[in-house]
PDB file of N, CA and C in Angstrom:
ATOM      1  N   MET A   1     -10.517  32.241   0.370  1.00  0.00           N
ATOM      2  CA  MET A   1     -10.250  31.092   1.086  1.00  0.00           C
ATOM      3  C   MET A   1      -8.890  30.725   0.955  1.00  0.00           C
ATOM      4  N   VAL A   2      -7.957  30.425   2.140  1.00  0.00           N
ATOM      5  CA  VAL A   2      -6.623  30.349   1.891  1.00  0.00           C
ATOM      6  C   VAL A   2      -6.672  28.777   2.036  1.00  0.00           C
ATOM      7  N   THR A   3      -5.868  28.139   1.284  1.00  0.00           N
ATOM      8  CA  THR A   3      -5.534  26.648   1.448  1.00  0.00           C
ATOM      9  C   THR A   3      -4.180  26.351   1.973  1.00  0.00           C
ATOM     10  N   THR A   4      -4.116  25.641   3.112  1.00  0.00           N
ATOM     11  CA  THR A   4      -2.681  25.435   3.557  1.00  0.00           C
ATOM     12  C   THR A   4      -2.193  23.932   3.387  1.00  0.00           C
ATOM     13  N   VAL A   5      -1.042  23.585   3.257  1.00  0.00           N
ATOM     14  CA  VAL A   5      -0.517  22.224   3.349  1.00  0.00           C
ATOM     15  C   VAL A   5      -0.251  21.831   4.769  1.00  0.00           C
ATOM     16  N   ARG A   6      -0.775  20.670   5.228  1.00  0.00           N
ATOM     17  CA  ARG A   6      -0.453  20.181   6.412  1.00  0.00           C
ATOM     18  C   ARG A   6       0.940  19.831   6.595  1.00  0.00           C
ATOM     19  N   ASP A   7       1.446  20.289   7.663  1.00  0.00           N
ATOM     20  CA  ASP A   7       2.929  19.830   8.021  1.00  0.00           C
ATOM     21  C   ASP A   7       2.833  18.724   9.082  1.00  0.00           C
ATOM     22  N   PHE A   8       3.060  17.397   8.537  1.00  0.00           N
ATOM     23  CA  PHE A   8       3.137  16.531   9.703  1.00  0.00           C
ATOM     24  C   PHE A   8       4.434  16.260  10.162  1.00  0.00           C
ATOM     25  N   GLY A   9       5.604  16.921   9.891  1.00  0.00           N
ATOM     26  CA  GLY A   9       6.835  16.991  10.480  1.00  0.00           C
ATOM     27  C   GLY A   9       7.433  15.734   9.833  1.00  0.00           C
ATOM     28  N   ALA A  10       8.626  15.385  10.401  1.00  0.00           N
ATOM     29  CA  ALA A  10       9.404  14.627   9.795  1.00  0.00           C
ATOM     30  C   ALA A  10       8.915  13.078  10.213  1.00  0.00           C
ATOM     31  N   PRO A  11       8.957  12.029   9.306  1.00  0.00           N
ATOM     32  CA  PRO A  11       8.231  10.845   9.724  1.00  0.00           C
ATOM     33  C   PRO A  11       9.111  10.156  10.838  1.00  0.00           C
ATOM     34  N   SER A  12       8.303   9.244  11.574  1.00  0.00           N
ATOM     35  CA  SER A  12       8.953   8.699  12.852  1.00  0.00           C
ATOM     36  C   SER A  12       9.786   7.663  12.351  1.00  0.00           C
ATOM     37  N   GLU A  13      10.434   6.778  13.079  1.00  0.00           N
ATOM     38  CA  GLU A  13      10.984   5.501  12.719  1.00  0.00           C
ATOM     39  C   GLU A  13      10.222   4.558  12.206  1.00  0.00           C
ATOM     40  N   PHE A  14       8.964   4.464  12.870  1.00  0.00           N
ATOM     41  CA  PHE A  14       8.123   3.469  12.451  1.00  0.00           C
ATOM     42  C   PHE A  14       7.657   3.788  11.001  1.00  0.00           C
ATOM     43  N   ALA A  15       7.303   5.163  10.767  1.00  0.00           N
ATOM     44  CA  ALA A  15       6.844   5.658   9.397  1.00  0.00           C
ATOM     45  C   ALA A  15       7.970   5.208   8.483  1.00  0.00           C
ATOM     46  N   ASP A  16       9.322   5.571   8.980  1.00  0.00           N
ATOM     47  CA  ASP A  16      10.235   5.296   7.899  1.00  0.00           C
ATOM     48  C   ASP A  16      10.378   3.735   7.442  1.00  0.00           C
ATOM     49  N   ASP A  17      10.097   2.950   8.390  1.00  0.00           N
ATOM     50  CA  ASP A  17      10.066   1.557   8.178  1.00  0.00           C
ATOM     51  C   ASP A  17       9.051   1.146   7.253  1.00  0.00           C
ATOM     52  N   VAL A  18       7.621   1.669   7.572  1.00  0.00           N
ATOM     53  CA  VAL A  18       6.719   1.329   6.646  1.00  0.00           C
ATOM     54  C   VAL A  18       7.002   1.727   5.398  1.00  0.00           C
ATOM     55  N   LEU A  19       7.427   2.978   5.175  1.00  0.00           N
ATOM     56  CA  LEU A  19       7.640   3.559   3.588  1.00  0.00           C
ATOM     57  C   LEU A  19       8.790   2.666   3.095  1.00  0.00           C
ATOM     58  N   ASP A  20       9.658   2.161   3.860  1.00  0.00           N
ATOM     59  CA  ASP A  20      10.783   1.468   3.187  1.00  0.00           C
ATOM     60  C   ASP A  20      10.135  -0.025   2.529  1.00  0.00           C
ATOM     61  N   VAL A  21       9.434  -0.627   3.444  1.00  0.00           N
ATOM     62  CA  VAL A  21       8.749  -1.877   3.027  1.00  0.00           C
ATOM     63  C   VAL A  21       8.041  -1.527   1.711  1.00  0.00           C
ATOM     64  N   VAL A  22       7.132  -0.560   1.631  1.00  0.00           N
ATOM     65  CA  VAL A  22       6.131  -0.334   0.525  1.00  0.00           C
ATOM     66  C   VAL A  22       6.936   0.045  -0.578  1.00  0.00           C
ATOM     67  N   ASP A  23       8.044   0.578  -0.383  1.00  0.00           N
ATOM     68  CA  ASP A  23       9.038   1.046  -1.436  1.00  0.00           C
ATOM     69  C   ASP A  23       9.782  -0.273  -2.110  1.00  0.00           C
ATOM     70  N   GLN A  24       9.714  -1.251  -1.385  1.00  0.00           N
ATOM     71  CA  GLN A  24      10.158  -2.738  -1.861  1.00  0.00           C
ATOM     72  C   GLN A  24       9.358  -3.533  -2.482  1.00  0.00           C
ATOM     73  N   ILE A  25       7.910  -3.283  -2.371  1.00  0.00           N
ATOM     74  CA  ILE A  25       6.840  -4.236  -2.922  1.00  0.00           C
ATOM     75  C   ILE A  25       6.905  -4.125  -4.531  1.00  0.00           C
ATOM     76  N   PRO A  26       7.173  -5.413  -5.130  1.00  0.00           N
ATOM     77  CA  PRO A  26       7.552  -5.502  -6.515  1.00  0.00           C
ATOM     78  C   PRO A  26       6.183  -4.818  -7.375  1.00  0.00           C
ATOM     79  N   GLU A  27       6.473  -4.513  -8.514  1.00  0.00           N
ATOM     80  CA  GLU A  27       5.289  -4.145  -9.575  1.00  0.00           C
ATOM     81  C   GLU A  27       4.556  -5.261  -9.727  1.00  0.00           C
ATOM     82  N   GLY A  28       3.253  -5.259  -9.582  1.00  0.00           N
ATOM     83  CA  GLY A  28       2.225  -6.371  -9.883  1.00  0.00           C
ATOM     84  C   GLY A  28       1.826  -6.899  -8.718  1.00  0.00           C
ATOM     85  N   MET A  29       2.559  -6.586  -7.487  1.00  0.00           N
ATOM     86  CA  MET A  29       2.396  -7.254  -6.307  1.00  0.00           C
ATOM     87  C   MET A  29       1.755  -6.201  -5.198  1.00  0.00           C
ATOM     88  N   VAL A  30       0.982  -6.867  -4.038  1.00  0.00           N
ATOM     89  CA  VAL A  30       0.576  -5.796  -3.130  1.00  0.00           C
ATOM     90  C   VAL A  30       0.863  -6.463  -1.728  1.00  0.00           C
ATOM     91  N   MET A  31       0.572  -5.452  -0.667  1.00  0.00           N
ATOM     92  CA  MET A  31       0.678  -5.980   0.647  1.00  0.00           C
ATOM     93  C   MET A  31      -0.613  -5.317   1.291  1.00  0.00           C
ATOM     94  N   THR A  32      -1.133  -6.009   2.384  1.00  0.00           N
ATOM     95  CA  THR A  32      -2.310  -5.244   3.036  1.00  0.00           C
ATOM     96  C   THR A  32      -1.607  -4.328   4.275  1.00  0.00           C
ATOM     97  N   TYR A  33      -2.413  -3.514   4.587  1.00  0.00           N
ATOM     98  CA  TYR A  33      -1.773  -2.585   5.669  1.00  0.00           C
ATOM     99  C   TYR A  33      -1.395  -3.647   6.983  1.00  0.00           C
ATOM    100  N   GLY A  34      -2.238  -4.713   7.296  1.00  0.00           N
ATOM    101  CA  GLY A  34      -1.975  -5.763   8.265  1.00  0.00           C
ATOM    102  C   GLY A  34      -0.813  -6.445   8.055  1.00  0.00           C
ATOM    103  N   ASP A  35      -0.481  -6.647   6.715  1.00  0.00           N
ATOM    104  CA  ASP A  35       0.746  -7.456   6.261  1.00  0.00           C
ATOM    105  C   ASP A  35       1.983  -6.803   6.656  1.00  0.00           C
ATOM    106  N   ILE A  36       1.863  -5.349   6.296  1.00  0.00           N
ATOM    107  CA  ILE A  36       3.101  -4.658   6.741  1.00  0.00           C
ATOM    108  C   ILE A  36       3.193  -4.576   8.246  1.00  0.00           C
ATOM    109  N   ALA A  37       2.208  -4.273   8.925  1.00  0.00           N
ATOM    110  CA  ALA A  37       2.351  -4.331  10.488  1.00  0.00           C
ATOM    111  C   ALA A  37       2.883  -5.589  11.072  1.00  0.00           C
ATOM    112  N   GLU A  38       2.286  -6.529  10.523  1.00  0.00           N
ATOM    113  CA  GLU A  38       2.909  -7.907  11.110  1.00  0.00           C
ATOM    114  C   GLU A  38       4.312  -8.202  10.508  1.00  0.00           C
ATOM    115  N   LEU A  39       4.575  -7.663   9.253  1.00  0.00           N
ATOM    116  CA  LEU A  39       5.962  -7.977   9.058  1.00  0.00           C
ATOM    117  C   LEU A  39       6.895  -7.031   9.855  1.00  0.00           C
ATOM    118  N   LEU A  40       6.681  -5.995  10.380  1.00  0.00           N
ATOM    119  CA  LEU A  40       7.328  -4.979  11.158  1.00  0.00           C
ATOM    120  C   LEU A  40       7.410  -5.282  12.647  1.00  0.00           C
ATOM    121  N   GLY A  41       6.275  -6.136  12.939  1.00  0.00           N
ATOM    122  CA  GLY A  41       6.122  -6.422  14.329  1.00  0.00           C
ATOM    123  C   GLY A  41       5.454  -5.429  15.210  1.00  0.00           C
ATOM    124  N   ARG A  42       4.909  -4.389  14.686  1.00  0.00           N
ATOM    125  CA  ARG A  42       4.371  -3.324  15.399  1.00  0.00           C
ATOM    126  C   ARG A  42       3.542  -2.484  14.465  1.00  0.00           C
ATOM    127  N   GLY A  43       2.675  -1.451  15.228  1.00  0.00           N
ATOM    128  CA  GLY A  43       1.957  -0.573  14.587  1.00  0.00           C
ATOM    129  C   GLY A  43       0.500  -0.897  14.167  1.00  0.00           C
ATOM    130  N   GLY A  44       0.232  -2.175  13.904  1.00  0.00           N
ATOM    131  CA  GLY A  44      -1.062  -2.269  13.470  1.00  0.00           C
ATOM    132  C   GLY A  44      -1.495  -1.851  12.062  1.00  0.00           C
ATOM    133  N   ALA A  45      -2.627  -2.374  11.495  1.00  0.00           N
ATOM    134  CA  ALA A  45      -3.032  -2.068  10.237  1.00  0.00           C
ATOM    135  C   ALA A  45      -3.447  -0.317  10.381  1.00  0.00           C
ATOM    136  N   ARG A  46      -3.982  -0.106  11.379  1.00  0.00           N
ATOM    137  CA  ARG A  46      -4.342   1.416  11.553  1.00  0.00           C
ATOM    138  C   ARG A  46      -3.162   2.243  11.500  1.00  0.00           C
ATOM    139  N   GLY A  47      -2.055   1.933  12.176  1.00  0.00           N
ATOM    140  CA  GLY A  47      -1.058   2.743  12.217  1.00  0.00           C
ATOM    141  C   GLY A  47      -0.256   2.731  10.906  1.00  0.00           C
ATOM    142  N   VAL A  48      -0.246   1.590  10.178  1.00  0.00           N
ATOM    143  CA  VAL A  48       0.288   1.519   8.779  1.00  0.00           C
ATOM    144  C   VAL A  48      -0.504   2.448   7.907  1.00  0.00           C
ATOM    145  N   GLY A  49      -1.905   2.535   7.871  1.00  0.00           N
ATOM    146  CA  GLY A  49      -2.788   3.555   7.233  1.00  0.00           C
ATOM    147  C   GLY A  49      -2.466   5.072   7.491  1.00  0.00           C
ATOM    148  N   ASN A  50      -2.172   5.146   8.774  1.00  0.00           N
ATOM    149  CA  ASN A  50      -2.071   6.671   9.152  1.00  0.00           C
ATOM    150  C   ASN A  50      -0.557   6.896   8.612  1.00  0.00           C
ATOM    151  N   VAL A  51       0.481   6.078   8.510  1.00  0.00           N
ATOM    152  CA  VAL A  51       1.591   6.469   7.799  1.00  0.00           C
ATOM    153  C   VAL A  51       1.386   6.803   6.249  1.00  0.00           C
ATOM    154  N   MET A  52       0.616   5.852   5.831  1.00  0.00           N
ATOM    155  CA  MET A  52       0.541   6.085   4.249  1.00  0.00           C
ATOM    156  C   MET A  52      -0.481   7.315   4.006  1.00  0.00           C
ATOM    157  N   ALA A  53      -1.485   7.606   4.900  1.00  0.00           N
ATOM    158  CA  ALA A  53      -2.086   8.794   4.590  1.00  0.00           C
ATOM    159  C   ALA A  53      -1.303  10.005   4.688  1.00  0.00           C
ATOM    160  N   ARG A  54      -0.308  10.069   5.552  1.00  0.00           N
ATOM    161  CA  ARG A  54       0.492  11.156   5.887  1.00  0.00           C
ATOM    162  C   ARG A  54       1.800  11.189   5.039  1.00  0.00           C
ATOM    163  N   TYR A  55       2.520  10.154   4.542  1.00  0.00           N
ATOM    164  CA  TYR A  55       3.521  10.177   3.871  1.00  0.00           C
ATOM    165  C   TYR A  55       3.636   9.438   2.811  1.00  0.00           C
ATOM    166  N   GLY A  56       2.649   8.620   2.376  1.00  0.00           N
ATOM    167  CA  GLY A  56       2.664   7.583   1.293  1.00  0.00           C
ATOM    168  C   GLY A  56       2.779   8.251   0.004  1.00  0.00           C
ATOM    169  N   SER A  57       2.730   9.336  -0.371  1.00  0.00           N
ATOM    170  CA  SER A  57       2.648   9.868  -1.712  1.00  0.00           C
ATOM    171  C   SER A  57       3.931   9.811  -2.498  1.00  0.00           C
ATOM    172  N   ASP A  58       5.030   9.505  -1.879  1.00  0.00           N
ATOM    173  CA  ASP A  58       6.383   9.416  -2.373  1.00  0.00           C
ATOM    174  C   ASP A  58       6.818   7.870  -2.633  1.00  0.00           C
ATOM    175  N   VAL A  59       5.829   6.940  -2.286  1.00  0.00           N
ATOM    176  CA  VAL A  59       6.256   5.583  -2.471  1.00  0.00           C
ATOM    177  C   VAL A  59       5.029   4.999  -3.416  1.00  0.00           C
ATOM    178  N   PRO A  60       5.098   3.813  -3.999  1.00  0.00           N
ATOM    179  CA  PRO A  60       4.034   3.213  -4.696  1.00  0.00           C
ATOM    180  C   PRO A  60       2.692   2.804  -3.729  1.00  0.00           C
ATOM    181  N   TRP A  61       2.204   3.618  -3.412  1.00  0.00           N
ATOM    182  CA  TRP A  61       1.000   3.604  -2.448  1.00  0.00           C
ATOM    183  C   TRP A  61      -0.114   2.740  -2.768  1.00  0.00           C
ATOM    184  N   TRP A  62      -0.346   2.508  -4.029  1.00  0.00           N
ATOM    185  CA  TRP A  62      -1.300   1.633  -4.787  1.00  0.00           C
ATOM    186  C   TRP A  62      -1.063   0.366  -4.517  1.00  0.00           C
ATOM    187  N   ARG A  63       0.114   0.035  -3.997  1.00  0.00           N
ATOM    188  CA  ARG A  63       0.517  -1.543  -3.549  1.00  0.00           C
ATOM    189  C   ARG A  63       0.136  -1.803  -2.388  1.00  0.00           C
ATOM    190  N   VAL A  64      -0.506  -0.887  -1.571  1.00  0.00           N
ATOM    191  CA  VAL A  64      -0.996  -1.264  -0.074  1.00  0.00           C
ATOM    192  C   VAL A  64      -2.507  -1.261  -0.281  1.00  0.00           C
ATOM    193  N   VAL A  65      -2.926  -2.327   0.169  1.00  0.00           N
ATOM    194  CA  VAL A  65      -4.487  -2.386  -0.134  1.00  0.00           C
ATOM    195  C   VAL A  65      -5.369  -2.841   1.118  1.00  0.00           C
ATOM    196  N   ARG A  66      -6.579  -2.920   1.204  1.00  0.00           N
ATOM    197  CA  ARG A  66      -7.286  -3.138   2.594  1.00  0.00           C
ATOM    198  C   ARG A  66      -7.229  -4.843   2.479  1.00  0.00           C
ATOM    199  N   ALA A  67      -7.620  -5.415   3.918  1.00  0.00           N
ATOM    200  CA  ALA A  67      -7.558  -6.780   3.915  1.00  0.00           C
ATOM    201  C   ALA A  67      -8.260  -7.684   2.910  1.00  0.00           C
ATOM    202  N   GLY A  68      -9.314  -7.094   2.491  1.00  0.00           N
ATOM    203  CA  GLY A  68     -10.151  -7.936   1.410  1.00  0.00           C
ATOM    204  C   GLY A  68      -9.620  -7.827   0.084  1.00  0.00           C
ATOM    205  N   GLY A  69      -8.564  -6.905  -0.011  1.00  0.00           N
ATOM    206  CA  GLY A  69      -8.126  -6.689  -1.509  1.00  0.00           C
ATOM    207  C   GLY A  69      -8.774  -5.389  -2.195  1.00  0.00           C
ATOM    208  N   GLY A  70      -9.453  -4.632  -1.343  1.00  0.00           N
ATOM    209  CA  GLY A  70     -10.037  -3.414  -1.669  1.00  0.00           C
ATOM    210  C   GLY A  70      -8.967  -2.498  -2.198  1.00  0.00           C
ATOM    211  N   PHE A  71      -9.143  -1.515  -2.995  1.00  0.00           N
ATOM    212  CA  PHE A  71      -8.234  -0.694  -3.241  1.00  0.00           C
ATOM    213  C   PHE A  71      -8.198   0.500  -2.278  1.00  0.00           C
ATOM    214  N   PRO A  72      -7.096   1.354  -2.326  1.00  0.00           N
ATOM    215  CA  PRO A  72      -7.091   2.384  -1.380  1.00  0.00           C
ATOM    216  C   PRO A  72      -8.197   3.332  -1.541  1.00  0.00           C
ATOM    217  N   GLN A  73      -8.870   3.644  -0.329  1.00  0.00           N
ATOM    218  CA  GLN A  73     -10.202   4.676  -0.306  1.00  0.00           C
ATOM    219  C   GLN A  73      -9.913   6.023  -0.856  1.00  0.00           C
ATOM    220  N   GLY A  74     -10.788   6.218  -1.796  1.00  0.00           N
ATOM    221  CA  GLY A  74     -10.763   7.461  -2.317  1.00  0.00           C
ATOM    222  C   GLY A  74      -9.973   7.550  -3.436  1.00  0.00           C
ATOM    223  N   LEU A  75      -8.883   6.537  -3.836  1.00  0.00           N
ATOM    224  CA  LEU A  75      -8.012   6.670  -4.896  1.00  0.00           C
ATOM    225  C   LEU A  75      -8.054   5.403  -5.974  1.00  0.00           C
ATOM    226  N   GLU A  76      -9.369   5.084  -5.809  1.00  0.00           N
ATOM    227  CA  GLU A  76      -9.737   3.807  -6.574  1.00  0.00           C
ATOM    228  C   GLU A  76      -9.373   4.068  -7.971  1.00  0.00           C
ATOM    229  N   ASP A  77      -9.824   4.985  -8.736  1.00  0.00           N
ATOM    230  CA  ASP A  77      -9.658   5.008 -10.172  1.00  0.00           C
ATOM    231  C   ASP A  77      -8.249   5.196 -10.472  1.00  0.00           C
ATOM    232  N   GLU A  78      -7.352   5.881  -9.772  1.00  0.00           N
ATOM    233  CA  GLU A  78      -6.150   6.405  -9.867  1.00  0.00           C
ATOM    234  C   GLU A  78      -5.438   5.067  -9.665  1.00  0.00           C
ATOM    235  N   ALA A  79      -5.641   4.184  -8.610  1.00  0.00           N
ATOM    236  CA  ALA A  79      -5.120   2.963  -8.190  1.00  0.00           C
ATOM    237  C   ALA A  79      -5.272   2.041  -9.348  1.00  0.00           C
ATOM    238  N   LEU A  80      -6.458   1.829  -9.812  1.00  0.00           N
ATOM    239  CA  LEU A  80      -6.713   0.827 -10.833  1.00  0.00           C
ATOM    240  C   LEU A  80      -5.942   1.216 -12.218  1.00  0.00           C
ATOM    241  N   ALA A  81      -5.639   2.455 -12.742  1.00  0.00           N
ATOM    242  CA  ALA A  81      -4.763   2.636 -13.743  1.00  0.00           C
ATOM    243  C   ALA A  81      -3.367   2.042 -13.517  1.00  0.00           C
ATOM    244  N   HIS A  82      -2.841   2.224 -12.136  1.00  0.00           N
ATOM    245  CA  HIS A  82      -1.711   1.586 -11.818  1.00  0.00           C
ATOM    246  C   HIS A  82      -1.696   0.098 -11.978  1.00  0.00           C
ATOM    247  N   TYR A  83      -2.667  -0.479 -11.373  1.00  0.00           N
ATOM    248  CA  TYR A  83      -2.873  -1.971 -11.542  1.00  0.00           C
ATOM    249  C   TYR A  83      -3.002  -2.542 -12.859  1.00  0.00           C
ATOM    250  N   ARG A  84      -3.542  -1.787 -13.899  1.00  0.00           N
ATOM    251  CA  ARG A  84      -3.550  -2.377 -15.098  1.00  0.00           C
ATOM    252  C   ARG A  84      -2.182  -2.109 -15.792  1.00  0.00           C
ATOM    253  N   GLU A  85      -1.559  -1.096 -15.600  1.00  0.00           N
ATOM    254  CA  GLU A  85      -0.175  -0.949 -16.010  1.00  0.00           C
ATOM    255  C   GLU A  85       0.856  -1.648 -15.531  1.00  0.00           C
ATOM    256  N   GLU A  86       0.783  -2.220 -14.335  1.00  0.00           N
ATOM    257  CA  GLU A  86       1.706  -3.272 -13.830  1.00  0.00           C
ATOM    258  C   GLU A  86       1.171  -4.730 -14.084  1.00  0.00           C
ATOM    259  N   GLY A  87      -0.099  -4.792 -14.488  1.00  0.00           N
ATOM    260  CA  GLY A  87      -0.444  -6.194 -14.535  1.00  0.00           C
ATOM    261  C   GLY A  87      -0.785  -7.003 -13.024  1.00  0.00           C
ATOM    262  N   THR A  88      -1.156  -6.109 -12.266  1.00  0.00           N
ATOM    263  CA  THR A  88      -1.585  -6.799 -10.949  1.00  0.00           C
ATOM    264  C   THR A  88      -2.906  -7.574 -11.033  1.00  0.00           C
ATOM    265  N   PRO A  89      -2.747  -8.825 -10.679  1.00  0.00           N
ATOM    266  CA  PRO A  89      -4.047  -9.435 -10.799  1.00  0.00           C
ATOM    267  C   PRO A  89      -5.213  -9.209  -9.945  1.00  0.00           C
ATOM    268  N   LEU A  90      -6.333  -8.906 -10.697  1.00  0.00           N
ATOM    269  CA  LEU A  90      -7.597  -8.466 -10.061  1.00  0.00           C
ATOM    270  C   LEU A  90      -8.724  -9.573 -10.225  1.00  0.00           C
ATOM    271  N   VAL A  91      -9.480  -9.492  -9.194  1.00  0.00           N
ATOM    272  CA  VAL A  91     -10.866 -10.549  -9.229  1.00  0.00           C
ATOM    273  C   VAL A  91     -11.667  -9.966 -10.342  1.00  0.00           C
ATOM    274  N   GLY A  92     -12.068 -10.768 -11.287  1.00  0.00           N
ATOM    275  CA  GLY A  92     -12.679 -10.332 -12.444  1.00  0.00           C
ATOM    276  C   GLY A  92     -12.081  -9.841 -13.596  1.00  0.00           C
ATOM    277  N   GLY A  93     -10.708  -9.874 -13.642  1.00  0.00           N
ATOM    278  CA  GLY A  93      -9.724  -9.503 -14.642  1.00  0.00           C
ATOM    279  C   GLY A  93      -9.570  -8.074 -14.726  1.00  0.00           C
ATOM    280  N   THR A  94      -8.667  -7.571 -15.538  1.00  0.00           N
ATOM    281  CA  THR A  94      -8.247  -6.041 -15.567  1.00  0.00           C
ATOM    282  C   THR A  94      -9.258  -5.225 -16.103  1.00  0.00           C
ATOM    283  N   LEU A  95     -10.173  -5.695 -16.831  1.00  0.00           N
ATOM    284  CA  LEU A  95     -11.260  -4.836 -17.290  1.00  0.00           C
ATOM    285  C   LEU A  95     -12.455  -4.512 -16.472  1.00  0.00           C
ATOM    286  N   THR A  96     -12.668  -5.492 -15.746  1.00  0.00           N
ATOM    287  CA  THR A  96     -14.013  -5.292 -14.759  1.00  0.00           C
ATOM    288  C   THR A  96     -13.589  -5.442 -13.292  1.00  0.00           C
ATOM    289  N   GLY A  97     -12.314  -5.912 -12.872  1.00  0.00           N
ATOM    290  CA  GLY A  97     -11.942  -5.944 -11.545  1.00  0.00           C
ATOM    291  C   GLY A  97     -11.947  -4.840 -10.640  1.00  0.00           C
ATOM    292  N   ARG A  98     -12.353  -4.897  -9.457  1.00  0.00           N
ATOM    293  CA  ARG A  98     -12.321  -3.696  -8.601  1.00  0.00           C
ATOM    294  C   ARG A  98     -11.744  -4.033  -7.353  1.00  0.00           C
ATOM    295  N   ARG A  99     -11.191  -5.326  -7.433  1.00  0.00           N
ATOM    296  CA  ARG A  99     -10.721  -5.672  -6.062  1.00  0.00           C
ATOM    297  C   ARG A  99      -9.257  -6.513  -6.471  1.00  0.00           C
ATOM    298  N   ILE A 100      -8.188  -6.622  -5.717  1.00  0.00           N
ATOM    299  CA  ILE A 100      -7.009  -7.307  -5.989  1.00  0.00           C
ATOM    300  C   ILE A 100      -7.244  -8.779  -5.663  1.00  0.00           C
ATOM    301  N   ASP A 101      -6.764  -9.599  -6.428  1.00  0.00           N
ATOM    302  CA  ASP A 101      -6.851 -11.033  -6.176  1.00  0.00           C
ATOM    303  C   ASP A 101      -5.630 -11.390  -5.330  1.00  0.00           C
ATOM    304  N   LEU A 102      -5.889 -11.377  -4.094  1.00  0.00           N
ATOM    305  CA  LEU A 102      -4.721 -11.679  -3.063  1.00  0.00           C
ATOM    306  C   LEU A 102      -4.094 -12.984  -3.267  1.00  0.00           C
ATOM    307  N   SER A 103      -4.997 -13.876  -3.469  1.00  0.00           N
ATOM    308  CA  SER A 103      -4.037 -15.272  -3.668  1.00  0.00           C
ATOM    309  C   SER A 103      -2.946 -15.215  -4.671  1.00  0.00           C
ATOM    310  N   ARG A 104      -2.946 -14.232  -5.670  1.00  0.00           N
ATOM    311  CA  ARG A 104      -2.192 -14.275  -6.750  1.00  0.00           C
ATOM    312  C   ARG A 104      -1.143 -12.903  -6.677  1.00  0.00           C
ATOM    313  N   ALA A 105      -1.576 -12.075  -6.024  1.00  0.00           N
ATOM    314  CA  ALA A 105      -0.919 -10.757  -5.846  1.00  0.00           C
ATOM    315  C   ALA A 105      -0.284 -10.496  -4.604  1.00  0.00           C
ATOM    316  N   ARG A 106      -0.534 -11.300  -3.620  1.00  0.00           N
ATOM    317  CA  ARG A 106       0.155 -10.840  -2.191  1.00  0.00           C
ATOM    318  C   ARG A 106       1.486 -11.202  -2.036  1.00  0.00           C
ATOM    319  N   TRP A 107       2.336 -10.092  -1.701  1.00  0.00           N
ATOM    320  CA  TRP A 107       3.756 -10.228  -1.641  1.00  0.00           C
ATOM    321  C   TRP A 107       4.044 -10.510  -0.166  1.00  0.00           C
ATOM    322  N   ALA A 108       4.979 -11.682  -0.023  1.00  0.00           N
ATOM    323  CA  ALA A 108       5.196 -11.820   1.556  1.00  0.00           C
ATOM    324  C   ALA A 108       6.223 -11.087   1.975  1.00  0.00           C
ATOM    325  N   GLY A 109       6.789 -10.084   1.502  1.00  0.00           N
ATOM    326  CA  GLY A 109       7.810  -9.182   2.036  1.00  0.00           C
ATOM    327  C   GLY A 109       9.292  -9.530   1.603  1.00  0.00           C
ATOM    328  N   PRO A 110      10.209  -8.525   1.787  1.00  0.00           N
ATOM    329  CA  PRO A 110      11.611  -8.939   1.577  1.00  0.00           C
ATOM    330  C   PRO A 110      12.097  -9.962   2.252  1.00  0.00           C
ATOM    331  N   VAL A 111      13.076 -10.716   1.546  1.00  0.00           N
ATOM    332  CA  VAL A 111      13.637 -12.003   2.184  1.00  0.00           C
ATOM    333  C   VAL A 111      14.565 -11.455   3.319  1.00  0.00           C
ATOM    334  N   ARG A 112      14.476 -11.930   4.459  1.00  0.00           N
ATOM    335  CA  ARG A 112      15.432 -11.488   5.595  1.00  0.00           C
ATOM    336  C   ARG A 112      16.613 -12.494   5.687  1.00  0.00           C
ATOM    337  N   THR A 113      17.626 -11.973   5.755  1.00  0.00           N
ATOM    338  CA  THR A 113      18.914 -12.796   5.796  1.00  0.00           C
ATOM    339  C   THR A 113      19.355 -12.585   7.269  1.00  0.00           C
ATOM    340  N   GLY A 114      20.158 -13.663   7.652  1.00  0.00           N
ATOM    341  CA  GLY A 114      20.906 -13.660   9.002  1.00  0.00           C
ATOM    342  C   GLY A 114      20.105 -13.716  10.022  1.00  0.00           C
TER     343      GLY A 114
END
């Protein structure tokens, strides 16, 4: 069996914008897929999710979570290790928590000037 790497081509302008926002999320903080779409004013949560699935491996992907604070699907254990290392607030604490405490960890986005 031959395994091939998918070639998604160069990221679009929207993808570049999503990745730029994700790259700015501080350690210990998160944004939801919808937060990023709202900040950019386009794309929707699913659009952001598509970008993250295709191009997100080079940015701190674990800092983008589902609307309820759920970890990125399929990467829960790896994400949890990052959250513990960064001190990201979890519901139930860092030992038992399996969901981000969005009331404490949600980042509003970069400060816009001008």
